[in-house]
Amino acid sequence: MATMMPWDGNGLGERLSALRASQPPLSAVVLATRTGLLLAAEADDGADTETLAALGADLLASAEAPSRALAGGPPREATLRGASAHVIALAAGETAVLVALTDALTPTSSVLPDLREAAEDLAKL
């Protein structure tokens, strides 16, 4: 059912798998560079993880100017709430972004603590 990129021998895929196992509402989680290049993914079959990586990186980048102007620094996370899904992008260190996809009925507050912890772990990897 799930797809995981087998080429990441540095623990990224394993951490994403653990995240999805602890948060069943997440249909996909990806780690990408800040430019949107997919590094690792754990997702339901049929999920377009490359597009999710690019969109998540773009979402976080789009928050850059407002965050610096209003919050005094780079954005740590950005959430897009749509009619049928939520996309959550979190900074994973200076060069990566963790992107998660969940259905619109799942409160983001129920998945954010685990996503934040995973982003910190992934930044260290």
N, C-alpha and C. Protein backbone atom coordinates (compact mmCIF):
# COMPACT_ATOMS: atom_id res chain seq x y z
N MET A 1 0.80 -1.20 0.00
CA MET A 1 0.00 0.00 0.00
C MET A 1 0.84 1.26 0.00
N ALA A 2 1.89 1.27 0.76
CA ALA A 2 2.69 2.49 0.88
C ALA A 2 3.89 2.42 -0.05
N THR A 3 4.33 3.59 -0.48
CA THR A 3 5.54 3.64 -1.27
C THR A 3 6.60 4.33 -0.45
N MET A 4 7.80 3.79 -0.50
CA MET A 4 8.92 4.42 0.18
C MET A 4 10.10 4.35 -0.77
N MET A 5 10.86 5.42 -0.82
CA MET A 5 11.99 5.45 -1.72
C MET A 5 13.11 4.61 -1.10
N PRO A 6 13.53 3.55 -1.78
CA PRO A 6 14.50 2.62 -1.19
C PRO A 6 15.92 3.13 -1.18
N TRP A 7 16.21 4.17 -1.92
CA TRP A 7 17.60 4.62 -2.08
C TRP A 7 18.11 5.47 -0.95
N ASP A 8 17.29 5.81 -0.01
CA ASP A 8 17.81 6.67 1.06
C ASP A 8 18.31 5.80 2.21
N GLY A 9 19.58 5.50 2.21
CA GLY A 9 20.18 4.65 3.22
C GLY A 9 20.56 5.40 4.48
N ASN A 10 20.10 6.62 4.63
CA ASN A 10 20.51 7.43 5.78
C ASN A 10 19.42 7.58 6.83
N GLY A 11 18.37 6.78 6.77
CA GLY A 11 17.35 6.80 7.80
C GLY A 11 16.17 7.72 7.52
N LEU A 12 16.20 8.43 6.42
CA LEU A 12 15.10 9.36 6.12
C LEU A 12 13.79 8.60 5.91
N GLY A 13 13.83 7.59 5.08
CA GLY A 13 12.61 6.82 4.81
C GLY A 13 12.06 6.13 6.04
N GLU A 14 12.97 5.63 6.88
CA GLU A 14 12.54 4.96 8.11
C GLU A 14 11.83 5.96 9.03
N ARG A 15 12.35 7.18 9.10
CA ARG A 15 11.72 8.19 9.97
C ARG A 15 10.35 8.58 9.43
N LEU A 16 10.24 8.68 8.10
CA LEU A 16 8.94 9.00 7.51
C LEU A 16 7.94 7.87 7.72
N SER A 17 8.42 6.63 7.64
CA SER A 17 7.54 5.48 7.90
C SER A 17 7.04 5.49 9.34
N ALA A 18 7.93 5.79 10.28
CA ALA A 18 7.53 5.86 11.68
C ALA A 18 6.51 6.98 11.91
N LEU A 19 6.69 8.08 11.23
CA LEU A 19 5.74 9.19 11.35
C LEU A 19 4.36 8.78 10.86
N ARG A 20 4.30 8.15 9.70
CA ARG A 20 2.99 7.72 9.19
C ARG A 20 2.37 6.65 10.06
N ALA A 21 3.18 5.78 10.62
CA ALA A 21 2.65 4.74 11.50
C ALA A 21 2.03 5.35 12.76
N SER A 22 2.61 6.45 13.24
CA SER A 22 2.08 7.09 14.45
C SER A 22 0.91 8.03 14.15
N GLN A 23 0.73 8.38 12.88
CA GLN A 23 -0.32 9.31 12.48
C GLN A 23 -1.07 8.76 11.26
N PRO A 24 -1.99 7.81 11.46
CA PRO A 24 -2.73 7.23 10.33
C PRO A 24 -3.46 8.24 9.44
N PRO A 25 -3.88 9.42 9.94
CA PRO A 25 -4.54 10.36 9.03
C PRO A 25 -3.64 10.91 7.92
N LEU A 26 -2.33 10.76 8.05
CA LEU A 26 -1.43 11.27 7.03
C LEU A 26 -1.42 10.31 5.84
N SER A 27 -1.84 10.80 4.68
CA SER A 27 -1.84 9.95 3.49
C SER A 27 -0.50 10.00 2.77
N ALA A 28 0.28 11.03 3.05
CA ALA A 28 1.62 11.13 2.45
C ALA A 28 2.48 12.05 3.28
N VAL A 29 3.75 11.72 3.39
CA VAL A 29 4.75 12.60 3.97
C VAL A 29 5.98 12.51 3.08
N VAL A 30 6.56 13.67 2.79
CA VAL A 30 7.75 13.70 1.95
C VAL A 30 8.77 14.64 2.57
N LEU A 31 10.01 14.37 2.28
CA LEU A 31 11.08 15.29 2.63
C LEU A 31 11.67 15.77 1.32
N ALA A 32 11.80 17.08 1.22
CA ALA A 32 12.29 17.69 -0.02
C ALA A 32 13.33 18.76 0.31
N THR A 33 14.10 19.11 -0.69
CA THR A 33 14.98 20.26 -0.54
C THR A 33 14.11 21.52 -0.57
N ARG A 34 14.67 22.64 -0.19
CA ARG A 34 13.91 23.89 -0.22
C ARG A 34 13.55 24.31 -1.64
N THR A 35 14.20 23.69 -2.64
CA THR A 35 13.86 23.97 -4.03
C THR A 35 12.85 22.98 -4.59
N GLY A 36 12.43 22.01 -3.77
CA GLY A 36 11.38 21.09 -4.18
C GLY A 36 11.83 19.75 -4.71
N LEU A 37 13.11 19.45 -4.63
CA LEU A 37 13.62 18.15 -5.07
C LEU A 37 13.28 17.10 -4.02
N LEU A 38 12.62 16.04 -4.43
CA LEU A 38 12.20 14.97 -3.53
C LEU A 38 13.41 14.20 -3.01
N LEU A 39 13.52 14.07 -1.69
CA LEU A 39 14.60 13.33 -1.05
C LEU A 39 14.14 11.96 -0.55
N ALA A 40 12.95 11.91 0.04
CA ALA A 40 12.39 10.66 0.57
C ALA A 40 10.89 10.82 0.68
N ALA A 41 10.18 9.70 0.59
CA ALA A 41 8.72 9.75 0.64
C ALA A 41 8.15 8.49 1.26
N GLU A 42 7.02 8.64 1.89
CA GLU A 42 6.22 7.54 2.42
C GLU A 42 4.79 7.95 2.16
N ALA A 43 4.11 7.18 1.28
CA ALA A 43 2.79 7.62 0.84
C ALA A 43 1.93 6.45 0.40
N ASP A 44 0.63 6.69 0.38
CA ASP A 44 -0.30 5.72 -0.17
C ASP A 44 0.01 5.51 -1.65
N ASP A 45 -0.33 4.34 -2.15
CA ASP A 45 -0.15 4.07 -3.57
C ASP A 45 -0.89 5.12 -4.39
N GLY A 46 -0.27 5.54 -5.45
CA GLY A 46 -0.90 6.51 -6.34
C GLY A 46 -0.65 7.96 -5.97
N ALA A 47 -0.05 8.21 -4.82
CA ALA A 47 0.22 9.58 -4.41
C ALA A 47 1.35 10.15 -5.28
N ASP A 48 1.19 11.38 -5.71
CA ASP A 48 2.19 12.05 -6.52
C ASP A 48 3.17 12.76 -5.59
N THR A 49 4.15 12.02 -5.11
CA THR A 49 5.06 12.55 -4.10
C THR A 49 5.99 13.63 -4.65
N GLU A 50 6.35 13.54 -5.92
CA GLU A 50 7.21 14.58 -6.51
C GLU A 50 6.48 15.91 -6.56
N THR A 51 5.21 15.91 -6.93
CA THR A 51 4.43 17.14 -6.95
C THR A 51 4.23 17.67 -5.54
N LEU A 52 3.95 16.78 -4.59
CA LEU A 52 3.78 17.19 -3.21
C LEU A 52 5.06 17.85 -2.68
N ALA A 53 6.21 17.29 -3.02
CA ALA A 53 7.49 17.87 -2.60
C ALA A 53 7.65 19.27 -3.16
N ALA A 54 7.38 19.44 -4.43
CA ALA A 54 7.52 20.76 -5.07
C ALA A 54 6.53 21.76 -4.50
N LEU A 55 5.29 21.34 -4.32
CA LEU A 55 4.28 22.25 -3.78
C LEU A 55 4.55 22.63 -2.34
N GLY A 56 5.00 21.68 -1.54
CA GLY A 56 5.31 21.97 -0.15
C GLY A 56 6.47 22.94 -0.01
N ALA A 57 7.50 22.75 -0.82
CA ALA A 57 8.64 23.67 -0.80
C ALA A 57 8.19 25.07 -1.23
N ASP A 58 7.34 25.12 -2.24
CA ASP A 58 6.82 26.41 -2.71
C ASP A 58 5.95 27.07 -1.64
N LEU A 59 5.14 26.28 -0.94
CA LEU A 59 4.30 26.82 0.12
C LEU A 59 5.14 27.47 1.21
N LEU A 60 6.19 26.79 1.63
CA LEU A 60 7.05 27.36 2.67
C LEU A 60 7.81 28.58 2.15
N ALA A 61 8.26 28.52 0.91
CA ALA A 61 8.98 29.66 0.32
C ALA A 61 8.06 30.87 0.18
N SER A 62 6.80 30.63 -0.14
CA SER A 62 5.84 31.74 -0.28
C SER A 62 5.57 32.44 1.05
N ALA A 63 5.80 31.76 2.14
CA ALA A 63 5.60 32.34 3.47
C ALA A 63 6.81 33.14 3.93
N GLU A 64 7.89 33.09 3.17
CA GLU A 64 9.15 33.72 3.58
C GLU A 64 9.01 35.22 3.84
N ALA A 65 8.55 35.98 2.87
CA ALA A 65 8.48 37.44 3.02
C ALA A 65 7.52 37.86 4.14
N PRO A 66 6.29 37.34 4.17
CA PRO A 66 5.40 37.72 5.28
C PRO A 66 5.95 37.33 6.65
N SER A 67 6.57 36.17 6.74
CA SER A 67 7.11 35.74 8.02
C SER A 67 8.23 36.65 8.50
N ARG A 68 9.12 37.01 7.61
CA ARG A 68 10.22 37.91 7.99
C ARG A 68 9.68 39.28 8.39
N ALA A 69 8.66 39.76 7.68
CA ALA A 69 8.11 41.08 7.97
C ALA A 69 7.29 41.11 9.25
N LEU A 70 6.52 40.07 9.48
CA LEU A 70 5.59 40.07 10.61
C LEU A 70 6.08 39.30 11.83
N ALA A 71 6.82 38.23 11.60
CA ALA A 71 7.25 37.38 12.72
C ALA A 71 8.73 37.52 13.03
N GLY A 72 9.44 38.28 12.23
CA GLY A 72 10.83 38.56 12.51
C GLY A 72 11.80 37.44 12.21
N GLY A 73 11.48 36.57 11.30
CA GLY A 73 12.40 35.50 10.96
C GLY A 73 11.83 34.61 9.88
N PRO A 74 12.57 33.60 9.49
CA PRO A 74 12.09 32.68 8.45
C PRO A 74 10.92 31.85 8.96
N PRO A 75 10.06 31.42 8.05
CA PRO A 75 8.91 30.61 8.48
C PRO A 75 9.35 29.22 8.93
N ARG A 76 8.69 28.72 9.95
CA ARG A 76 8.95 27.37 10.42
C ARG A 76 7.94 26.39 9.85
N GLU A 77 6.72 26.90 9.59
CA GLU A 77 5.70 26.03 9.02
C GLU A 77 4.63 26.86 8.32
N ALA A 78 3.97 26.21 7.38
CA ALA A 78 2.86 26.84 6.66
C ALA A 78 1.83 25.76 6.39
N THR A 79 0.57 26.12 6.49
CA THR A 79 -0.52 25.17 6.28
C THR A 79 -1.49 25.72 5.23
N LEU A 80 -1.87 24.86 4.32
CA LEU A 80 -2.87 25.18 3.32
C LEU A 80 -4.06 24.29 3.57
N ARG A 81 -5.21 24.89 3.81
CA ARG A 81 -6.42 24.11 4.07
C ARG A 81 -7.33 24.22 2.87
N GLY A 82 -7.56 23.09 2.22
CA GLY A 82 -8.45 23.04 1.07
C GLY A 82 -9.75 22.36 1.42
N ALA A 83 -10.62 22.25 0.45
CA ALA A 83 -11.93 21.64 0.66
C ALA A 83 -11.83 20.15 1.00
N SER A 84 -10.83 19.46 0.45
CA SER A 84 -10.74 18.03 0.69
C SER A 84 -9.44 17.57 1.32
N ALA A 85 -8.49 18.50 1.50
CA ALA A 85 -7.20 18.09 2.07
C ALA A 85 -6.50 19.28 2.71
N HIS A 86 -5.56 18.94 3.59
CA HIS A 86 -4.65 19.92 4.18
C HIS A 86 -3.23 19.55 3.76
N VAL A 87 -2.46 20.57 3.40
CA VAL A 87 -1.04 20.40 3.12
C VAL A 87 -0.30 21.19 4.18
N ILE A 88 0.62 20.52 4.86
CA ILE A 88 1.38 21.16 5.93
C ILE A 88 2.86 21.06 5.57
N ALA A 89 3.53 22.19 5.53
CA ALA A 89 4.96 22.24 5.21
C ALA A 89 5.71 22.78 6.42
N LEU A 90 6.75 22.07 6.82
CA LEU A 90 7.54 22.47 7.98
C LEU A 90 9.02 22.51 7.60
N ALA A 91 9.72 23.52 8.09
CA ALA A 91 11.16 23.58 7.89
C ALA A 91 11.80 22.39 8.61
N ALA A 92 12.70 21.73 7.91
CA ALA A 92 13.48 20.63 8.49
C ALA A 92 14.93 21.04 8.36
N GLY A 93 15.34 21.93 9.22
CA GLY A 93 16.68 22.50 9.11
C GLY A 93 16.68 23.64 8.12
N GLU A 94 17.88 24.03 7.70
CA GLU A 94 18.03 25.17 6.79
C GLU A 94 17.80 24.81 5.34
N THR A 95 17.93 23.52 4.98
CA THR A 95 17.92 23.16 3.57
C THR A 95 16.80 22.23 3.14
N ALA A 96 15.95 21.81 4.07
CA ALA A 96 14.92 20.83 3.72
C ALA A 96 13.55 21.25 4.26
N VAL A 97 12.53 20.61 3.70
CA VAL A 97 11.16 20.85 4.13
C VAL A 97 10.44 19.51 4.24
N LEU A 98 9.72 19.33 5.32
CA LEU A 98 8.87 18.16 5.53
C LEU A 98 7.46 18.55 5.12
N VAL A 99 6.86 17.77 4.24
CA VAL A 99 5.53 18.09 3.73
C VAL A 99 4.60 16.92 4.04
N ALA A 100 3.43 17.23 4.58
CA ALA A 100 2.46 16.20 4.93
C ALA A 100 1.12 16.50 4.28
N LEU A 101 0.42 15.45 3.93
CA LEU A 101 -0.91 15.57 3.33
C LEU A 101 -1.89 14.78 4.18
N THR A 102 -3.00 15.42 4.54
CA THR A 102 -4.03 14.76 5.32
C THR A 102 -5.39 15.21 4.80
N ASP A 103 -6.43 14.48 5.15
CA ASP A 103 -7.76 14.86 4.70
C ASP A 103 -8.22 16.12 5.45
N ALA A 104 -9.24 16.77 4.90
CA ALA A 104 -9.71 18.04 5.46
C ALA A 104 -10.42 17.88 6.80
N LEU A 105 -10.84 16.68 7.14
CA LEU A 105 -11.55 16.46 8.40
C LEU A 105 -10.61 16.31 9.59
N THR A 106 -9.33 16.04 9.32
CA THR A 106 -8.35 15.87 10.38
C THR A 106 -7.89 17.23 10.88
N PRO A 107 -8.05 17.52 12.16
CA PRO A 107 -7.55 18.80 12.68
C PRO A 107 -6.02 18.82 12.60
N THR A 108 -5.49 19.89 12.06
CA THR A 108 -4.03 19.98 11.96
C THR A 108 -3.38 19.93 13.34
N SER A 109 -4.08 20.41 14.35
CA SER A 109 -3.51 20.39 15.70
C SER A 109 -3.26 18.96 16.19
N SER A 110 -3.94 17.98 15.62
CA SER A 110 -3.73 16.60 16.06
C SER A 110 -2.49 15.97 15.44
N VAL A 111 -2.00 16.52 14.34
CA VAL A 111 -0.81 15.95 13.69
C VAL A 111 0.44 16.84 13.85
N LEU A 112 0.25 18.11 14.16
CA LEU A 112 1.39 19.02 14.23
C LEU A 112 2.47 18.64 15.25
N PRO A 113 2.14 18.20 16.45
CA PRO A 113 3.23 17.84 17.37
C PRO A 113 4.16 16.76 16.82
N ASP A 114 3.59 15.72 16.22
CA ASP A 114 4.43 14.67 15.64
C ASP A 114 5.19 15.16 14.41
N LEU A 115 4.56 16.02 13.62
CA LEU A 115 5.26 16.58 12.46
C LEU A 115 6.43 17.45 12.89
N ARG A 116 6.24 18.25 13.91
CA ARG A 116 7.33 19.10 14.41
C ARG A 116 8.50 18.27 14.92
N GLU A 117 8.18 17.21 15.66
CA GLU A 117 9.23 16.34 16.18
C GLU A 117 9.98 15.66 15.02
N ALA A 118 9.23 15.19 14.02
CA ALA A 118 9.86 14.55 12.87
C ALA A 118 10.74 15.53 12.10
N ALA A 119 10.28 16.78 11.94
CA ALA A 119 11.08 17.78 11.23
C ALA A 119 12.40 18.02 11.95
N GLU A 120 12.37 18.05 13.27
CA GLU A 120 13.62 18.21 14.04
C GLU A 120 14.53 17.01 13.85
N ASP A 121 13.95 15.81 13.90
CA ASP A 121 14.75 14.60 13.71
C ASP A 121 15.37 14.57 12.32
N LEU A 122 14.58 14.88 11.31
CA LEU A 122 15.05 14.84 9.93
C LEU A 122 16.13 15.88 9.68
N ALA A 123 16.03 17.02 10.33
CA ALA A 123 17.06 18.05 10.19
C ALA A 123 18.41 17.54 10.67
N LYS A 124 18.39 16.67 11.68
CA LYS A 124 19.64 16.11 12.21
C LYS A 124 20.23 15.05 11.30
N LEU A 125 19.35 14.37 10.55
CA LEU A 125 19.83 13.31 9.64
C LEU A 125 20.46 13.92 8.42
